[in-house]
């Protein structure tokens, strides 16, 4: 049972890790991108790599970026577990 709990925690952590991008309209009406590089396996370098690929040789301007940290804790009859999660989001505009 303890192995099952450990696998669930590991699977949920890997499920949270991943970079996403979405085209958005900025407050001035121009096109931009919202980039999320959340989880323990990613960092701001991964967000910058995505921005570079989106904007190519044009380069880009960071409109905003934000980092949020959260923690969770759970317990049951078979044990206790805890985790932390880092949420990173950036809003960029290609030059």
Protein backbone atom coordinates (compact mmCIF):
# COMPACT_ATOMS: atom_id res chain seq x y z
CA UNK A 1 0.00 0.00 0.00
CA UNK A 2 2.87 2.34 0.77
CA UNK A 3 4.27 1.75 -2.73
CA UNK A 4 0.92 2.69 -4.28
CA UNK A 5 0.86 5.97 -2.32
CA UNK A 6 4.40 6.78 -3.42
CA UNK A 7 3.57 6.09 -7.06
CA UNK A 8 0.52 8.34 -6.87
CA UNK A 9 2.59 11.21 -5.49
CA UNK A 10 5.34 10.76 -8.10
CA UNK A 11 2.81 10.53 -10.93
CA UNK A 12 1.04 13.68 -9.78
CA UNK A 13 4.33 15.59 -9.63
CA UNK A 14 5.27 14.57 -13.17
CA UNK A 15 1.77 15.41 -14.34
CA UNK A 16 2.16 18.95 -13.04
CA UNK A 17 5.45 19.53 -14.81
CA UNK A 18 5.22 20.86 -18.31
CA UNK A 19 5.50 24.03 -20.30
CA UNK A 20 2.52 25.51 -22.11
CA UNK A 21 2.05 28.50 -24.38
CA UNK A 22 -1.06 30.34 -25.47
CA UNK A 23 -1.58 33.27 -27.82
CA UNK A 24 -3.28 36.18 -26.01
CA UNK A 25 -4.21 39.79 -26.64
CA UNK A 26 -2.31 42.28 -24.50
CA UNK A 27 -3.99 45.30 -22.85
CA UNK A 28 -2.88 47.54 -25.76
CA UNK A 29 -4.62 45.18 -28.22
CA UNK A 30 -1.44 43.67 -29.66
CA UNK A 31 -0.74 39.94 -29.82
CA UNK A 32 1.36 38.33 -27.12
CA UNK A 33 1.92 34.96 -25.52
CA UNK A 34 1.25 33.59 -22.06
CA UNK A 35 3.89 31.01 -21.19
CA UNK A 36 3.69 28.69 -18.16
CA UNK A 37 6.77 26.77 -16.99
CA UNK A 38 5.56 25.19 -13.80
CA UNK A 39 6.79 22.24 -11.80
CA UNK A 40 10.02 21.04 -10.31
CA UNK A 41 11.61 19.97 -13.59
CA UNK A 42 11.32 23.37 -15.32
CA UNK A 43 12.69 26.85 -14.58
CA UNK A 44 12.76 30.33 -16.13
CA UNK A 45 15.30 29.17 -18.71
CA UNK A 46 12.64 26.86 -20.15
CA UNK A 47 10.22 29.80 -20.44
CA UNK A 48 12.92 31.83 -22.19
CA UNK A 49 13.58 28.97 -24.62
CA UNK A 50 9.89 28.82 -25.53
CA UNK A 51 9.75 32.61 -25.99
CA UNK A 52 12.80 32.47 -28.27
CA UNK A 53 11.23 29.73 -30.39
CA UNK A 54 7.94 31.64 -30.65
CA UNK A 55 9.53 34.95 -31.65
CA UNK A 56 12.56 33.56 -33.52
CA UNK A 57 15.01 36.22 -34.72
CA UNK A 58 12.64 39.09 -33.80
CA UNK A 59 13.42 38.74 -30.13
CA UNK A 60 10.83 39.43 -27.43
CA UNK A 61 9.95 41.72 -24.56
CA UNK A 62 8.82 40.39 -21.18
CA UNK A 63 5.60 42.16 -20.22
CA UNK A 64 5.32 40.41 -16.86
CA UNK A 65 6.45 37.32 -15.01
CA UNK A 66 5.28 35.76 -11.81
CA UNK A 67 6.35 32.93 -9.51
CA UNK A 68 4.01 31.31 -6.99
CA UNK A 69 4.97 28.62 -4.51
CA UNK A 70 2.42 26.39 -2.85
CA UNK A 71 2.56 23.41 -0.54
CA UNK A 72 0.20 20.58 0.18
CA UNK A 73 0.10 17.97 2.88
CA UNK A 74 -2.05 14.91 3.23
CA UNK A 75 -2.35 12.04 5.61
CA UNK A 76 -4.26 8.80 5.85
CA UNK A 77 -4.12 5.60 7.80
CA UNK A 78 -1.23 4.38 5.65
CA UNK A 79 1.01 7.42 6.01
CA UNK A 80 1.58 11.08 5.39
CA UNK A 81 2.92 12.94 2.38
CA UNK A 82 3.66 16.47 1.38
CA UNK A 83 4.74 18.33 -1.72
CA UNK A 84 5.59 21.77 -2.97
CA UNK A 85 4.71 23.19 -6.35
CA UNK A 86 6.18 26.15 -8.19
CA UNK A 87 4.01 27.96 -10.71
CA UNK A 88 5.87 30.20 -13.17
CA UNK A 89 4.06 32.33 -15.75
CA UNK A 90 5.36 34.91 -18.19
CA UNK A 91 3.59 37.26 -20.57
CA UNK A 92 5.70 38.18 -23.60
CA UNK A 93 5.42 40.19 -26.79
CA UNK A 94 7.53 39.58 -29.91
CA UNK A 95 9.44 42.63 -31.14
